[in-house]
Protein backbone atom coordinates (compact mmCIF):
# COMPACT_ATOMS: atom_id res chain seq x y z
CA UNK A 1 226.52 -20.17 83.23
CA UNK A 2 227.46 -23.82 83.08
CA UNK A 3 228.11 -23.86 86.75
CA UNK A 4 224.98 -22.11 87.53
CA UNK A 5 222.87 -24.63 85.52
CA UNK A 6 224.61 -27.50 87.32
CA UNK A 7 223.90 -26.00 90.72
CA UNK A 8 220.35 -25.12 89.78
CA UNK A 9 219.97 -28.67 88.58
CA UNK A 10 221.32 -30.10 91.83
CA UNK A 11 219.06 -27.75 93.79
CA UNK A 12 216.16 -28.89 91.84
CA UNK A 13 217.09 -32.52 92.59
CA UNK A 14 217.42 -31.60 96.34
CA UNK A 15 214.04 -29.99 96.25
CA UNK A 16 212.56 -32.92 94.51
CA UNK A 17 213.91 -35.26 97.23
CA UNK A 18 212.76 -32.86 99.97
CA UNK A 19 209.19 -32.66 98.63
CA UNK A 20 209.14 -36.38 97.80
CA UNK A 21 209.94 -37.02 101.52
CA UNK A 22 207.37 -34.45 102.73
CA UNK A 23 204.60 -35.97 100.51
CA UNK A 24 205.59 -39.44 101.70
CA UNK A 25 205.57 -38.41 105.33
CA UNK A 26 202.15 -36.69 105.07
CA UNK A 27 200.65 -39.44 103.05
CA UNK A 28 201.80 -41.80 105.83
CA UNK A 29 200.29 -39.42 108.52
CA UNK A 30 197.07 -39.29 106.55
CA UNK A 31 196.79 -43.13 106.29
CA UNK A 32 193.47 -44.53 107.55
CA UNK A 33 194.09 -47.40 109.89
CA UNK A 34 194.24 -49.25 113.20
CA UNK A 35 197.27 -50.08 115.17
CA UNK A 36 197.70 -51.48 118.72
CA UNK A 37 200.06 -52.14 121.46
CA UNK A 38 199.64 -53.60 125.01
CA UNK A 39 198.03 -50.29 126.27
CA UNK A 40 196.14 -48.67 123.43
CA UNK A 41 194.27 -49.12 120.25
CA UNK A 42 195.31 -46.14 117.94
CA UNK A 43 192.99 -45.12 115.14
CA UNK A 44 193.99 -42.61 112.32
CA UNK A 45 190.95 -41.22 110.65
CA UNK A 46 192.92 -40.12 107.63
CA UNK A 47 191.45 -36.75 108.18
CA UNK A 48 193.83 -35.07 110.70
CA UNK A 49 192.45 -36.75 113.74
CA UNK A 50 194.29 -39.70 115.54
CA UNK A 51 192.78 -41.02 118.78
CA UNK A 52 193.65 -43.65 121.20
CA UNK A 53 191.23 -45.95 123.28
CA UNK A 54 192.84 -47.44 126.42
CA UNK A 55 192.87 -51.20 126.43
CA UNK A 56 193.77 -51.98 129.97
CA UNK A 57 193.36 -50.78 133.57
CA UNK A 58 196.49 -48.69 134.47
CA UNK A 59 195.48 -48.34 138.14
CA UNK A 60 194.71 -44.62 137.90
CA UNK A 61 191.26 -43.92 139.46
CA UNK A 62 190.41 -41.20 136.93
CA UNK A 63 191.16 -43.44 133.95
CA UNK A 64 189.74 -46.60 132.81
CA UNK A 65 189.97 -49.20 130.07
CA UNK A 66 187.59 -48.09 127.27
CA UNK A 67 188.34 -44.39 127.84
CA UNK A 68 189.54 -42.06 125.06
CA UNK A 69 193.10 -41.50 126.18
CA UNK A 70 194.27 -39.14 123.38
CA UNK A 71 192.80 -37.04 120.63
CA UNK A 72 195.39 -35.30 118.39
CA UNK A 73 193.76 -33.15 115.75
CA UNK A 74 196.04 -31.34 113.29
CA UNK A 75 198.94 -31.87 115.63
CA UNK A 76 197.27 -30.58 118.83
CA UNK A 77 196.27 -32.81 121.73
CA UNK A 78 192.67 -32.29 122.76
CA UNK A 79 192.41 -34.93 125.50
CA UNK A 80 193.19 -34.15 129.03
CA UNK A 81 196.04 -36.41 130.02
CA UNK A 82 195.14 -36.79 133.81
CA UNK A 83 191.60 -38.04 133.21
CA UNK A 84 189.92 -39.97 130.45
CA UNK A 85 186.93 -39.10 128.34
CA UNK A 86 184.54 -41.78 129.45
CA UNK A 87 180.98 -42.88 130.32
CA UNK A 88 180.18 -41.59 133.83
CA UNK A 89 183.24 -41.91 136.05
CA UNK A 90 184.83 -44.67 133.91
CA UNK A 91 183.75 -48.04 132.47
CA UNK A 92 185.19 -49.83 135.51
CA UNK A 93 182.89 -47.94 137.88
CA UNK A 94 179.49 -48.26 136.07
CA UNK A 95 177.83 -51.00 138.18
CA UNK A 96 178.30 -51.76 141.81
CA UNK A 97 180.72 -54.69 142.25
CA UNK A 98 181.64 -54.81 138.56
CA UNK A 99 185.18 -53.57 137.50
CA UNK A 100 185.89 -55.86 134.57
CA UNK A 101 186.08 -54.02 131.13
CA UNK A 102 186.76 -55.60 127.77
CA UNK A 103 187.94 -53.57 124.88
CA UNK A 104 188.21 -54.96 121.31
CA UNK A 105 188.83 -53.37 118.02
CA UNK A 106 188.30 -54.41 114.44
CA UNK A 107 188.32 -53.18 110.92
CA UNK A 108 185.07 -53.39 108.98
CA UNK A 109 185.98 -53.25 105.22
CA UNK A 110 188.30 -50.78 103.96
CA UNK A 111 186.60 -47.68 105.42
CA UNK A 112 185.51 -48.39 109.02
CA UNK A 113 187.00 -49.14 112.38
CA UNK A 114 185.04 -50.24 115.33
CA UNK A 115 186.00 -50.35 118.99
CA UNK A 116 183.70 -52.20 121.34
CA UNK A 117 183.75 -51.70 125.12
CA UNK A 118 181.85 -54.01 127.34
CA UNK A 119 181.31 -53.28 131.07
CA UNK A 120 178.55 -55.08 133.03
CA UNK A 121 175.26 -54.48 131.19
CA UNK A 122 176.62 -51.63 129.22
CA UNK A 123 178.24 -51.73 125.65
CA UNK A 124 179.84 -48.65 124.21
CA UNK A 125 181.06 -48.29 120.61
CA UNK A 126 183.59 -45.96 119.04
CA UNK A 127 183.48 -45.94 115.26
CA UNK A 128 185.90 -44.28 112.76
CA UNK A 129 185.13 -43.64 109.12
CA UNK A 130 187.91 -43.11 106.59
CA UNK A 131 188.41 -39.47 105.73
CA UNK A 132 186.25 -37.90 108.51
CA UNK A 133 187.56 -36.17 111.61
CA UNK A 134 184.77 -37.68 113.64
CA UNK A 135 184.40 -40.26 116.43
CA UNK A 136 181.02 -41.81 116.12
CA UNK A 137 179.65 -43.30 119.36
CA UNK A 138 176.83 -45.54 120.61
CA UNK A 139 175.87 -46.47 124.12
CA UNK A 140 173.54 -49.42 124.78
CA UNK A 141 172.71 -50.89 128.29
CA UNK A 142 170.05 -53.33 129.41
CA UNK A 143 170.02 -51.97 133.09
CA UNK A 144 170.85 -48.57 134.28
CA UNK A 145 174.40 -48.02 135.55
CA UNK A 146 173.97 -48.27 139.27
CA UNK A 147 176.85 -46.51 140.88
CA UNK A 148 175.73 -43.05 139.77
CA UNK A 149 172.25 -43.91 138.65
CA UNK A 150 172.74 -42.15 135.33
CA UNK A 151 174.39 -42.42 131.99
CA UNK A 152 176.27 -39.66 130.32
CA UNK A 153 179.53 -39.37 128.15
CA UNK A 154 181.96 -36.69 129.39
CA UNK A 155 184.71 -35.40 127.11
CA UNK A 156 187.53 -33.70 128.90
CA UNK A 157 189.66 -31.29 126.91
CA UNK A 158 192.62 -29.13 128.08
CA UNK A 159 191.15 -25.60 128.67
CA UNK A 160 194.08 -24.00 126.77
CA UNK A 161 193.22 -25.84 123.73
CA UNK A 162 189.47 -25.28 123.92
CA UNK A 163 188.84 -22.19 126.06
CA UNK A 164 185.50 -20.95 124.61
CA UNK A 165 182.42 -22.61 126.05
CA UNK A 166 179.15 -21.32 127.35
CA UNK A 167 179.73 -18.35 129.75
CA UNK A 168 177.13 -19.42 132.38
CA UNK A 169 178.97 -22.65 132.95
CA UNK A 170 182.46 -21.27 132.96
CA UNK A 171 183.49 -21.53 136.63
CA UNK A 172 187.04 -20.22 136.16
CA UNK A 173 188.05 -17.39 138.63
CA UNK A 174 185.20 -18.31 141.04
CA UNK A 175 185.38 -17.29 144.67
CA UNK A 176 184.06 -20.54 146.02
CA UNK A 177 180.92 -22.82 146.08
CA UNK A 178 177.64 -21.17 147.22
CA UNK A 179 175.50 -24.28 146.91
CA UNK A 180 176.18 -28.10 147.01
CA UNK A 181 179.74 -27.90 145.76
CA UNK A 182 178.65 -27.29 142.15
CA UNK A 183 177.22 -23.76 141.98
CA UNK A 184 179.82 -20.99 142.34
CA UNK A 185 180.00 -17.18 142.96
CA UNK A 186 182.12 -14.61 141.28
CA UNK A 187 183.61 -11.59 142.87
CA UNK A 188 181.26 -9.29 141.05
CA UNK A 189 178.22 -11.20 142.60
CA UNK A 190 177.32 -13.24 139.55
CA UNK A 191 177.07 -17.04 139.62
CA UNK A 192 178.31 -19.97 137.38
CA UNK A 193 177.57 -23.60 137.31
CA UNK A 194 177.65 -26.50 134.97
CA UNK A 195 173.90 -26.61 135.41
CA UNK A 196 173.54 -23.26 133.69
CA UNK A 197 174.75 -24.59 130.41
CA UNK A 198 171.37 -26.29 130.02
CA UNK A 199 168.97 -26.00 127.05
CA UNK A 200 165.63 -27.47 126.26
CA UNK A 201 166.25 -30.70 124.51
CA UNK A 202 164.21 -29.90 121.48
CA UNK A 203 166.26 -26.65 121.05
CA UNK A 204 169.64 -28.12 120.41
CA UNK A 205 171.25 -30.59 117.96
CA UNK A 206 174.79 -30.17 119.03
CA UNK A 207 176.81 -28.91 121.97
CA UNK A 208 180.48 -28.14 122.29
CA UNK A 209 183.24 -25.46 122.54
CA UNK A 210 185.80 -23.78 120.39
CA UNK A 211 189.43 -22.83 120.49
CA UNK A 212 192.05 -21.26 118.12
CA UNK A 213 190.92 -22.42 114.81
CA UNK A 214 189.00 -25.43 116.06
CA UNK A 215 185.69 -26.65 117.29
CA UNK A 216 184.69 -29.78 119.08
CA UNK A 217 181.09 -30.62 118.94
CA UNK A 218 178.90 -33.55 119.98
CA UNK A 219 175.93 -33.98 117.61
CA UNK A 220 173.08 -35.89 118.95
CA UNK A 221 170.74 -38.47 117.40
CA UNK A 222 166.91 -38.27 117.93
CA UNK A 223 167.51 -38.82 121.60
CA UNK A 224 164.87 -41.53 121.71
CA UNK A 225 166.49 -43.22 124.71
CA UNK A 226 166.56 -40.17 126.97
CA UNK A 227 163.88 -39.45 129.58
CA UNK A 228 162.06 -36.24 130.26
CA UNK A 229 160.58 -35.28 127.03
CA UNK A 230 161.26 -32.46 124.58
CA UNK A 231 161.66 -29.66 127.27
CA UNK A 232 164.03 -31.56 129.50
CA UNK A 233 166.98 -29.45 130.69
CA UNK A 234 170.32 -30.77 131.99
CA UNK A 235 173.94 -29.70 132.17
CA UNK A 236 175.94 -29.82 128.93
CA UNK A 237 179.30 -27.94 129.47
CA UNK A 238 181.67 -26.83 132.18
CA UNK A 239 184.78 -24.80 131.84
CA UNK A 240 187.27 -25.03 134.67
CA UNK A 241 190.81 -23.90 135.23
CA UNK A 242 192.12 -27.16 133.70
CA UNK A 243 189.54 -28.60 131.44
CA UNK A 244 186.60 -27.93 129.08
CA UNK A 245 184.14 -30.61 129.82
CA UNK A 246 181.42 -31.45 127.24
CA UNK A 247 178.80 -33.74 128.53
CA UNK A 248 176.39 -35.75 126.38
CA UNK A 249 173.43 -36.84 128.58
CA UNK A 250 171.98 -40.19 127.75
CA UNK A 251 169.75 -40.02 130.78
CA UNK A 252 170.07 -38.06 134.09
CA UNK A 253 168.58 -38.19 137.43
CA UNK A 254 168.34 -34.53 138.17
CA UNK A 255 164.88 -32.99 137.59
CA UNK A 256 163.68 -36.32 136.19
CA UNK A 257 160.00 -36.76 135.49
CA UNK A 258 160.05 -40.18 133.88
CA UNK A 259 161.53 -43.66 134.36
CA UNK A 260 164.69 -44.35 132.47
CA UNK A 261 164.65 -46.19 129.19
CA UNK A 262 167.11 -49.06 128.92
CA UNK A 263 167.37 -51.33 125.86
CA UNK A 264 167.98 -48.37 123.36
CA UNK A 265 171.06 -47.77 121.34
CA UNK A 266 171.87 -44.00 121.91
CA UNK A 267 174.08 -42.74 119.23
CA UNK A 268 176.00 -39.43 118.96
CA UNK A 269 179.06 -38.09 117.14
CA UNK A 270 182.00 -36.20 118.10
CA UNK A 271 182.99 -33.75 115.35
CA UNK A 272 186.12 -31.87 114.90
CA UNK A 273 186.15 -28.75 112.60
CA UNK A 274 187.45 -25.25 112.20
CA UNK A 275 185.12 -23.87 114.87
CA UNK A 276 181.93 -23.27 112.69
CA UNK A 277 178.67 -24.76 113.50
CA UNK A 278 178.74 -28.44 112.64
CA UNK A 279 176.55 -30.11 110.11
CA UNK A 280 174.66 -33.35 111.05
CA UNK A 281 176.99 -36.32 110.11
CA UNK A 282 175.67 -39.07 107.68
CA UNK A 283 175.24 -42.16 109.90
CA UNK A 284 173.36 -44.29 107.43
CA UNK A 285 176.39 -46.70 107.56
CA UNK A 286 175.46 -47.55 111.22
CA UNK A 287 173.21 -50.30 109.63
CA UNK A 288 176.41 -52.41 108.83
CA UNK A 289 178.24 -51.71 111.93
CA UNK A 290 176.84 -54.60 113.96
CA UNK A 291 175.88 -52.53 116.96
CA UNK A 292 173.62 -54.12 119.55
CA UNK A 293 170.28 -52.44 119.66
CA UNK A 294 170.41 -50.89 116.25
CA UNK A 295 166.91 -50.54 114.65
CA UNK A 296 167.06 -49.72 110.93
CA UNK A 297 164.65 -47.43 109.08
CA UNK A 298 162.77 -50.32 107.59
CA UNK A 299 161.73 -51.50 111.08
CA UNK A 300 160.51 -48.00 112.18
CA UNK A 301 157.26 -46.22 111.78
CA UNK A 302 155.79 -42.73 111.29
CA UNK A 303 152.95 -40.51 112.78
CA UNK A 304 151.70 -37.61 110.75
CA UNK A 305 148.95 -35.22 111.61
CA UNK A 306 146.86 -32.94 109.36
CA UNK A 307 146.73 -30.16 111.80
CA UNK A 308 145.81 -28.74 115.19
CA UNK A 309 142.59 -26.78 115.49
CA UNK A 310 142.24 -24.21 118.39
CA UNK A 311 145.79 -23.07 118.55
CA UNK A 312 146.90 -19.77 120.05
CA UNK A 313 149.14 -18.54 117.19
CA UNK A 314 151.34 -16.60 119.73
CA UNK A 315 152.88 -19.96 120.79
CA UNK A 316 154.82 -22.81 119.24
CA UNK A 317 153.26 -26.16 119.53
CA UNK A 318 155.04 -29.51 119.98
CA UNK A 319 153.59 -32.95 119.67
CA UNK A 320 155.30 -35.46 121.92
CA UNK A 321 155.16 -39.26 121.97
CA UNK A 322 156.34 -41.48 124.85
CA UNK A 323 156.18 -44.98 126.30
CA UNK A 324 158.47 -47.16 128.42
CA UNK A 325 160.74 -47.83 125.48
CA UNK A 326 161.18 -44.54 123.74
CA UNK A 327 160.36 -40.89 123.29
CA UNK A 328 159.89 -38.64 120.31
CA UNK A 329 158.53 -35.16 119.45
CA UNK A 330 157.73 -33.09 116.32
CA UNK A 331 157.26 -29.36 115.85
CA UNK A 332 153.87 -28.39 114.62
CA UNK A 333 153.72 -26.09 111.67
CA UNK A 334 153.17 -22.55 112.68
CA UNK A 335 150.60 -21.98 109.90
CA UNK A 336 148.51 -25.13 109.82
CA UNK A 337 149.48 -27.15 112.97
CA UNK A 338 150.60 -30.09 110.63
CA UNK A 339 153.18 -32.36 112.36
CA UNK A 340 155.33 -35.35 111.28
CA UNK A 341 157.19 -37.67 113.51
CA UNK A 342 159.32 -40.21 111.56
CA UNK A 343 161.69 -42.91 112.74
CA UNK A 344 159.65 -44.20 115.63
CA UNK A 345 160.18 -47.66 117.10
CA UNK A 346 156.83 -49.60 116.78
CA UNK A 347 154.52 -49.58 119.71
CA UNK A 348 151.77 -47.75 121.59
CA UNK A 349 152.60 -44.23 122.67
CA UNK A 350 150.99 -41.55 124.76
CA UNK A 351 150.72 -38.54 122.55
CA UNK A 352 150.62 -35.10 124.10
CA UNK A 353 150.07 -31.75 122.38
CA UNK A 354 152.02 -28.94 124.03
CA UNK A 355 151.16 -25.24 123.81
CA UNK A 356 154.76 -24.14 124.51
CA UNK A 357 155.34 -26.48 127.35
CA UNK A 358 151.85 -26.99 128.67
CA UNK A 359 149.89 -30.08 127.78
CA UNK A 360 146.61 -29.09 126.04
CA UNK A 361 145.66 -32.47 124.57
CA UNK A 362 146.47 -36.14 125.43
CA UNK A 363 145.56 -39.28 123.45
CA UNK A 364 147.10 -42.70 122.45
CA UNK A 365 148.51 -43.82 119.16
CA UNK A 366 149.77 -47.16 117.97
CA UNK A 367 152.31 -47.59 115.11
CA UNK A 368 153.64 -50.73 113.44
CA UNK A 369 156.89 -51.34 111.58
CA UNK A 370 156.91 -49.67 108.21
CA UNK A 371 153.55 -48.00 108.88
CA UNK A 372 152.52 -44.31 108.67
CA UNK A 373 149.67 -43.37 110.95
CA UNK A 374 147.80 -40.51 109.53
CA UNK A 375 145.81 -38.48 112.07
CA UNK A 376 142.88 -36.13 111.30
CA UNK A 377 142.78 -32.65 112.57
CA UNK A 378 143.03 -32.57 116.37
CA UNK A 379 140.74 -30.17 118.18
CA UNK A 380 142.51 -28.67 121.15
CA UNK A 381 140.13 -28.65 124.22
CA UNK A 382 142.48 -28.44 127.10
CA UNK A 383 143.82 -24.92 127.09
CA UNK A 384 143.08 -23.09 130.34
CA UNK A 385 143.43 -19.78 128.42
CA UNK A 386 139.99 -20.31 126.69
CA UNK A 387 138.19 -19.56 129.96
CA UNK A 388 137.14 -15.88 130.24
CA UNK A 389 139.01 -14.59 133.35
CA UNK A 390 138.29 -11.60 135.48
CA UNK A 391 141.99 -11.18 135.62
CA UNK A 392 145.08 -13.24 134.80
CA UNK A 393 148.72 -13.04 135.81
CA UNK A 394 151.09 -14.75 133.45
CA UNK A 395 150.29 -16.94 130.51
CA UNK A 396 149.12 -20.59 130.39
CA UNK A 397 151.99 -21.94 128.59
CA UNK A 398 153.88 -24.16 131.07
CA UNK A 399 156.69 -21.73 131.84
CA UNK A 400 157.44 -18.88 134.13
CA UNK A 401 159.26 -16.98 131.32
CA UNK A 402 157.04 -13.93 131.23
CA UNK A 403 157.15 -13.34 135.08
CA UNK A 404 159.61 -11.46 137.21
CA UNK A 405 163.13 -13.00 136.72
CA UNK A 406 161.67 -15.65 134.45
CA UNK A 407 164.17 -14.71 131.79
CA UNK A 408 167.12 -15.49 133.93
CA UNK A 409 166.23 -18.55 136.01
CA UNK A 410 167.75 -21.11 133.62
CA UNK A 411 171.12 -19.48 133.40
CA UNK A 412 172.02 -18.20 136.96
CA UNK A 413 171.37 -18.90 140.67
CA UNK A 414 168.43 -17.08 142.26
CA UNK A 415 170.81 -15.19 144.46
CA UNK A 416 172.77 -13.76 141.50
CA UNK A 417 173.19 -9.99 141.50
CA UNK A 418 171.49 -9.76 138.20
CA UNK A 419 168.23 -10.91 139.58
CA UNK A 420 165.58 -8.40 140.55
CA UNK A 421 164.26 -8.59 144.08
CA UNK A 422 162.19 -11.72 144.69
CA UNK A 423 159.87 -9.57 147.01
CA UNK A 424 158.53 -6.80 144.67
CA UNK A 425 155.59 -5.84 146.92
CA UNK A 426 151.87 -6.26 146.40
CA UNK A 427 150.61 -7.00 142.93
CA UNK A 428 147.71 -4.67 141.94
CA UNK A 429 145.42 -5.93 139.21
CA UNK A 430 145.17 -3.34 136.55
CA UNK A 431 148.41 -1.53 137.31
CA UNK A 432 151.19 -3.98 138.19
CA UNK A 433 152.98 -5.91 135.45
CA UNK A 434 153.69 -9.65 135.51
CA UNK A 435 157.26 -9.12 134.26
CA UNK A 436 158.18 -6.69 137.13
CA UNK A 437 155.59 -7.40 139.88
CA UNK A 438 155.00 -11.13 140.14
CA UNK A 439 157.98 -13.48 140.90
CA UNK A 440 158.63 -16.48 138.72
CA UNK A 441 159.54 -18.54 141.74
CA UNK A 442 158.12 -18.59 145.34
CA UNK A 443 159.96 -20.11 148.20
CA UNK A 444 158.68 -20.65 151.74
CA UNK A 445 161.75 -18.81 153.32
CA UNK A 446 162.26 -16.19 150.74
CA UNK A 447 159.02 -14.64 149.41
CA UNK A 448 156.67 -17.00 151.38
CA UNK A 449 153.56 -14.77 150.92
CA UNK A 450 152.49 -13.00 147.74
CA UNK A 451 149.69 -10.42 147.92
CA UNK A 452 147.32 -9.67 144.99
CA UNK A 453 144.86 -6.82 145.24
CA UNK A 454 141.82 -6.65 142.85
CA UNK A 455 138.50 -4.83 142.64
CA UNK A 456 135.10 -6.43 142.06
CA UNK A 457 131.80 -4.86 141.05
CA UNK A 458 128.43 -5.89 142.55
CA UNK A 459 127.66 -8.05 139.58
CA UNK A 460 130.83 -9.95 140.23
CA UNK A 461 129.97 -11.14 143.66
CA UNK A 462 129.31 -14.65 142.51
CA UNK A 463 131.15 -17.93 143.33
CA UNK A 464 134.66 -17.60 141.82
CA UNK A 465 137.45 -20.04 141.15
CA UNK A 466 141.04 -19.24 141.61
CA UNK A 467 143.34 -21.17 139.39
CA UNK A 468 146.96 -21.43 140.37
CA UNK A 469 149.30 -23.24 138.07
CA UNK A 470 152.93 -24.33 138.83
CA UNK A 471 155.52 -26.01 136.48
CA UNK A 472 157.58 -27.79 139.22
CA UNK A 473 157.90 -27.84 142.94
CA UNK A 474 160.69 -28.54 145.41
CA UNK A 475 160.45 -30.30 148.71
CA UNK A 476 156.66 -30.50 148.56
CA UNK A 477 156.13 -26.73 148.12
CA UNK A 478 152.72 -25.67 146.96
CA UNK A 479 150.44 -22.55 147.31
CA UNK A 480 147.64 -22.03 149.76
CA UNK A 481 145.01 -19.29 149.16
CA UNK A 482 143.33 -16.85 151.37
CA UNK A 483 140.77 -14.18 149.93
CA UNK A 484 139.73 -11.65 152.50
CA UNK A 485 138.63 -13.73 155.51
CA UNK A 486 138.23 -16.97 153.65
CA UNK A 487 141.04 -19.48 153.87
CA UNK A 488 141.48 -22.61 151.71
CA UNK A 489 142.36 -25.93 152.99
CA UNK A 490 145.92 -27.13 152.54
CA UNK A 491 146.16 -28.68 149.09
CA UNK A 492 148.13 -31.80 148.55
CA UNK A 493 151.66 -31.76 147.37
CA UNK A 494 152.08 -32.51 143.63
CA UNK A 495 154.15 -35.30 142.16
CA UNK A 496 157.53 -33.78 141.26
CA UNK A 497 161.21 -34.65 140.86
CA UNK A 498 162.95 -35.42 144.20
CA UNK A 499 166.12 -33.43 143.24
CA UNK A 500 167.03 -29.74 143.18
CA UNK A 501 165.26 -27.87 140.33
CA UNK A 502 164.78 -24.15 141.05
CA UNK A 503 168.50 -23.47 141.74
CA UNK A 504 170.04 -25.60 138.95
CA UNK A 505 168.60 -23.89 135.99
CA UNK A 506 165.21 -25.62 135.40
CA UNK A 507 161.71 -25.06 136.03
CA UNK A 508 160.64 -28.15 134.21
CA UNK A 509 158.85 -30.60 136.30
CA UNK A 510 155.21 -31.73 136.16
CA UNK A 511 152.75 -28.95 135.38
CA UNK A 512 150.11 -28.82 138.18
CA UNK A 513 146.85 -26.85 138.39
CA UNK A 514 145.52 -26.04 141.77
CA UNK A 515 141.93 -24.77 141.97
CA UNK A 516 140.32 -22.95 144.93
CA UNK A 517 136.52 -22.33 145.00
CA UNK A 518 135.64 -19.01 146.67
CA UNK A 519 132.20 -18.54 148.02
CA UNK A 520 130.30 -15.29 146.82
CA UNK A 521 129.76 -14.49 150.39
CA UNK A 522 133.43 -13.88 151.04
CA UNK A 523 133.86 -11.31 148.32
CA UNK A 524 133.26 -7.55 148.63
CA UNK A 525 132.48 -4.71 146.36
CA UNK A 526 135.63 -2.66 145.88
CA UNK A 527 139.14 -4.03 146.83
CA UNK A 528 139.55 -7.67 147.79
CA UNK A 529 142.84 -9.11 148.97
CA UNK A 530 144.25 -12.45 147.91
CA UNK A 531 147.32 -14.00 149.51
CA UNK A 532 149.24 -16.97 148.15
CA UNK A 533 151.33 -18.60 150.80
CA UNK A 534 154.04 -21.24 150.23
CA UNK A 535 153.38 -24.21 152.45
CA UNK A 536 155.10 -27.57 152.93
CA UNK A 537 155.76 -30.11 155.82
CA UNK A 538 159.37 -29.82 154.91
CA UNK A 539 161.78 -27.10 155.78
CA UNK A 540 164.95 -25.59 154.33
CA UNK A 541 167.03 -22.46 154.11
CA UNK A 542 166.32 -19.62 151.59
CA UNK A 543 166.57 -20.97 147.98
CA UNK A 544 166.66 -24.52 149.17
CA UNK A 545 163.49 -24.11 151.20
CA UNK A 546 160.22 -25.54 149.73
CA UNK A 547 159.16 -23.67 146.69
CA UNK A 548 157.70 -23.86 143.16
CA UNK A 549 157.79 -22.17 139.80
CA UNK A 550 154.72 -20.34 138.65
CA UNK A 551 153.03 -20.76 135.25
CA UNK A 552 149.96 -18.52 135.70
CA UNK A 553 147.30 -17.36 138.27
CA UNK A 554 143.77 -16.28 137.30
CA UNK A 555 140.30 -15.80 138.62
CA UNK A 556 137.34 -17.12 136.77
CA UNK A 557 133.63 -17.61 137.44
CA UNK A 558 133.02 -21.02 138.99
CA UNK A 559 131.98 -23.37 136.18
């Protein structure tokens, strides 16, 4: 018994030493702090995340000073080691002729570490907060990075550590590119592309991917420095054979309808967690971080509206604000139309009311620092749907979603095997369905002529106006109308983005309404035949030929 007690006591002492060492080692591992060597700044968040920022140029074209070079979370490396996580293609390649990058780190009080990267006219910040497995970021620039003509932060994570991203943008196991080197086919006839990870900007607050017991998420701010408005769509993710790429777009040239907005501090946060949906991090401490371009709440303003009169309750309404400096939007209350847009930088804004994605009211509003502008009820007067129509195909809402293939065009290529035929045959008013009989998109070289058949009575042989609405056009595409023997003049091309749209998952451009006045003498009792032909002075092949996305088509008595 005495021996047992001595052995037990010795074992207890050994366990005490063991656990003391374990606690000491883990306490050290969980210490919040900044260390440095000649190559890296290493930041321990004290919350399981340790990350490194590269200090110097190592001569590797896919890595740059200022990159995230390592992200170890709970012992697992989440940074691709062959390429950095970086703005665009690296901080040393942002501006033509500018390769110098400075990287500096400092502690701010006991709870914060800030790394500042300066490259040409762009400043980027990484911030760590004690006890949080987050990397808070901010990007500020006074001129648009010129080498790529865009600004985006790309996180590159080993695919084995983070395999679960959006399926439409997972290009693993593809059989090769089918368009422009960035849209790929699969053996089963489906298509994949980074472009098909898109969502309307107003519909997401975070993006990311998951792996075994982990999630990596980028949580956005109010996106005031982006361009394109609340319905802008752009790539967000891409899964490849080696990496999971998560892309936060500050601004992007593809399908762009507005000028870029420099001079804004764009903030966003990388959040590590267990794979569940992230909550929005508290960033109120940004006010004391000394970031260029930061505008505090006391210097901001607010616009609030009592309501919207004349809404179609089947649709969601959004109120957008934009000027050369910033953009904002607010969702209108479904019951009253009330809206509230806080946190606006002072200035004069163009204010637009959207029925889904169609502008139905436009006005101007000016706000000053610390001010709340209260607007009386707005009477909506610009909704095309209020005009009584002899017939209407689609809905006047600024999207082709209710038309044939309109539910698929944002997540796959038009050639995808899951698409219905783009040439469904003649559309017969009274019996055909918009969802199965009228294509969401029309191309000069695919379905260049759409035929609509409709009947008129003797009393309807009056001057009529055909209204044809599109949401975007590619390569100058636009519709030309013919009714029986009457042929319209060639309408002018609309102002639209110069890049691809229809094949990269977006119908969002500049909504345009074409009107064609049809003389009563050209109409007949009984069946009339309307053809809509895609025209353009440009050419192209199949889905890259001139084309456009439809919003709606209707026929009304000429006002």
